[in-house]
């Protein structure tokens, strides 16, 4: 990302903030250049960056490029700290990489933001089950059933896992 050194929106403080929000960002300051227009609208810039990361990660998951999907998500992790959808998707990618402890943490981040997230609770149940943490898995599957509407398939899956793990 390029910023103009002499522009008002490109203060050192804003550049440091950009670096903190996007740790993998390579930031260059250019003398005599104009600033990046999006930085004038920080909230909109962050929203677009998160949407882009989520969209890219979904495409990469469809192509079974799970490590690349995780990398795309991690690049926007700072900006997406309060986005429950981001954390659910990140948890699913981590599951596909068999990184279940990290997946549980991602799902927990999601439910801290939005407790009524049946997808986060189901994902958490799957990862707890993979970690052989049966009581936690049962609890997560039960919470998924109480959290909100589920498709018939997901509801049946959660009910079956509760019965099997008790």
Foldseek 3Di string as FASTA:
>chain_A
DEAEPPDPLPDPVLVVVVCVQQVVDDYDYDYPDHGDVCSVVVVVVLVVLQVVLVVVLVVCVVVVVLVVNLVSLNRRCSSCQLPLVSLLSNLVSCVSVVNLVVSLVSLVSNCVNPVLDLSSLQSNLVSCVVVVVLVSNLVSLVSSCVSDDDDPVSVVVSVVSNVVSD
